[in-house]
Protein backbone atom coordinates (compact mmCIF):
# COMPACT_ATOMS: atom_id res chain seq x y z
CA MET A 1 -20.39 13.26 -6.24
CA SER A 2 -20.00 16.30 -4.29
CA ASP A 3 -16.81 18.48 -4.15
CA GLY A 4 -15.98 16.51 -1.01
CA ARG A 5 -15.21 19.18 1.44
CA GLU A 6 -18.81 18.81 3.14
CA ILE A 7 -18.20 14.92 3.49
CA VAL A 8 -14.98 15.60 5.26
CA LEU A 9 -16.81 18.10 7.65
CA GLN A 10 -19.78 15.59 8.19
CA ALA A 11 -17.54 12.83 9.27
CA LEU A 12 -15.60 15.18 11.66
CA VAL A 13 -18.90 16.81 13.07
CA GLU A 14 -20.67 13.64 13.57
CA THR A 15 -17.66 11.87 15.18
CA ALA A 16 -16.72 14.73 17.47
CA ARG A 17 -20.30 14.68 18.87
CA ARG A 18 -20.11 11.17 19.82
CA ASN A 19 -16.84 11.73 21.51
CA GLY A 20 -17.67 14.95 23.54
CA PHE A 21 -15.96 17.33 21.46
CA ARG A 22 -17.34 20.74 20.33
CA GLY A 23 -16.62 22.33 16.96
CA VAL A 24 -15.42 25.90 16.44
CA ARG A 25 -15.43 27.35 13.00
CA ALA A 26 -15.88 23.94 11.62
CA THR A 27 -12.19 23.34 11.62
CA ASN A 28 -11.32 22.81 15.20
CA PHE A 29 -12.99 20.47 17.98
CA TYR A 30 -12.10 20.86 21.53
CA ARG A 31 -12.75 18.87 24.64
CA GLU A 32 -11.57 20.47 27.91
CA TRP A 33 -10.76 18.67 31.19
CA PRO A 34 -9.15 20.39 34.28
CA GLU A 35 -5.56 19.35 33.12
CA THR A 36 -5.81 19.34 29.40
CA ILE A 37 -7.52 20.73 26.39
CA CYS A 38 -7.61 18.35 23.48
CA LEU A 39 -7.95 19.42 19.85
CA LEU A 40 -8.79 17.91 16.59
CA ASN A 41 -7.97 20.18 13.77
CA LEU A 42 -8.78 20.08 9.99
CA GLN A 43 -5.98 21.46 8.00
CA LYS A 44 -6.29 22.48 4.21
CA SER A 45 -3.15 22.02 2.09
CA SER A 46 -1.81 25.27 0.44
CA TRP A 47 -1.18 23.22 -2.72
CA GLY A 48 -4.33 21.81 -3.57
CA PRO A 49 -7.66 20.02 -2.50
CA GLN A 50 -6.01 17.95 0.16
CA PHE A 51 -6.86 17.97 3.82
CA TYR A 52 -4.78 16.84 6.91
CA ILE A 53 -6.29 16.02 10.26
CA ASN A 54 -4.15 16.76 13.32
CA ALA A 55 -4.57 15.78 16.84
CA ALA A 56 -3.17 17.84 19.70
CA VAL A 57 -3.16 18.23 23.63
CA TRP A 58 -2.60 21.36 25.70
CA PHE A 59 -1.63 21.38 29.23
CA THR A 60 -3.53 23.93 30.98
CA ARG A 61 -0.83 24.28 33.67
CA LEU A 62 1.62 25.52 30.92
CA GLY A 63 -0.72 28.44 29.79
CA ALA A 64 -4.04 29.92 29.93
CA GLU A 65 -5.35 29.29 26.47
CA ARG A 66 -8.98 28.39 26.20
CA ARG A 67 -8.74 27.66 22.29
CA PRO A 68 -5.04 26.75 21.66
CA LYS A 69 -3.78 26.45 18.14
CA GLU A 70 -2.89 23.01 17.12
CA TYR A 71 0.62 24.00 16.28
CA ASN A 72 1.19 25.49 19.81
CA CYS A 73 0.13 22.47 21.76
CA HIS A 74 2.32 20.54 23.86
CA ILE A 75 1.57 17.07 22.38
CA ARG A 76 0.77 16.72 18.52
CA TRP A 77 0.25 14.11 15.81
CA ARG A 78 -1.25 13.70 12.40
CA VAL A 79 -3.98 11.32 12.51
CA ASN A 80 -2.87 9.09 9.83
CA SER A 81 0.62 8.80 11.42
CA GLN A 82 -0.88 6.37 13.84
CA MET A 83 -2.28 3.90 11.16
CA GLU A 84 -0.86 0.85 9.43
CA ASP A 85 0.56 1.67 5.91
CA ASP A 86 -2.54 0.65 3.95
CA GLN A 87 -4.99 2.31 6.08
CA SER A 88 -2.99 5.49 6.16
CA LYS A 89 -2.73 5.31 2.41
CA ALA A 90 -6.64 5.03 1.91
CA PHE A 91 -7.27 7.64 4.56
CA THR A 92 -4.87 9.99 2.88
CA GLN A 93 -6.69 9.36 -0.54
CA ALA A 94 -10.01 10.03 1.25
CA LEU A 95 -8.84 13.49 2.23
CA ASN A 96 -7.68 14.20 -1.23
CA LEU A 97 -10.64 15.69 -2.99
CA GLU A 98 -8.87 14.93 -6.28
CA HIS A 99 -8.75 11.32 -5.59
CA PRO A 100 -11.76 9.76 -7.34
CA LEU A 101 -14.30 8.43 -4.41
CA SER A 102 -17.63 8.75 -4.27
CA ASP A 103 -19.07 10.33 -0.92
CA ASP A 104 -20.45 6.73 0.08
CA GLN A 105 -16.83 5.67 -0.04
CA ARG A 106 -15.11 8.77 1.34
CA LEU A 107 -17.37 9.23 4.38
CA PRO A 108 -16.59 5.85 6.30
CA MET A 109 -13.03 5.93 5.42
CA ILE A 110 -12.66 9.40 7.18
CA THR A 111 -15.08 8.67 9.84
CA GLU A 112 -13.41 5.42 10.92
CA GLY A 113 -9.88 7.04 10.77
CA VAL A 114 -10.66 10.06 12.66
CA ASP A 115 -12.65 8.17 15.49
CA THR A 116 -10.13 5.40 16.18
CA TYR A 117 -6.80 7.49 15.65
CA GLY A 118 -8.03 10.98 16.45
CA PHE A 119 -11.16 11.52 18.90
CA ARG A 120 -10.71 8.15 20.74
CA LEU A 121 -6.96 8.71 21.47
CA LEU A 122 -7.70 12.15 22.44
CA SER A 123 -10.53 11.34 24.62
CA ARG A 124 -7.96 9.22 26.82
CA CYS A 125 -5.88 12.36 27.41
CA ASP A 126 -8.08 13.71 30.35
CA SER A 127 -4.91 14.51 32.34
CA GLU A 128 -1.33 15.26 31.98
CA LYS A 129 -0.11 12.03 32.95
CA ALA A 130 -2.69 10.08 30.69
CA ALA A 131 -1.79 12.39 27.61
CA LEU A 132 1.99 11.54 28.12
CA ARG A 133 1.12 7.69 28.34
CA VAL A 134 -0.80 8.09 25.08
CA ALA A 135 2.05 9.89 23.45
CA GLU A 136 4.50 7.18 24.72
CA GLU A 137 2.15 4.40 23.20
CA CYS A 138 1.95 6.15 19.99
CA GLY A 139 5.60 6.36 19.63
CA PRO A 140 7.78 8.42 17.37
CA HIS A 141 5.23 9.95 15.21
CA VAL A 142 4.12 12.05 18.22
CA MET A 143 5.72 15.40 19.06
CA VAL A 144 6.01 16.21 22.68
CA ALA A 145 7.15 19.75 23.65
CA LEU A 146 10.08 20.03 26.01
CA ALA A 147 7.99 21.59 28.69
CA ALA A 148 5.60 18.57 28.68
CA ARG A 149 8.61 16.15 28.73
CA SER A 150 10.31 18.07 31.77
CA GLN A 151 6.94 17.55 33.66
CA GLU A 152 6.97 13.99 32.77
CA LYS A 153 10.45 13.34 34.40
CA ALA A 154 9.59 15.44 37.50
CA ASN A 155 6.68 13.18 38.20
């Protein structure tokens, strides 16, 4: 069994490509549209060999960022926050490199989760209106910045 980090990256790189995202520094994957920049971010825990996967949307009208940081984006969510409890638990365990899983078990768990609840949801965010609709559908586990909410009300 490997140390696991390369399996996490493999799952992200393969899935990103299929969904039209481009990697930057192996931890951020971006896709740009005229109104939005979508980002999937791999975050390492400060406390151990645990990773988190964050999804985010930047509204280009609200700032000239080309490669926004996930924590500065207008819409954000943790990928596992959109999953049912059992799937979220399994996904979290797959991202915890101390949890005993073989690479053959870890890779499909991460790939499926990040594809369905990360890249595919982000791929639907090709405009501000679409991104706000995705945020509404995903419910309370999605953070939406006040600037984005005020635009939603104006429309």
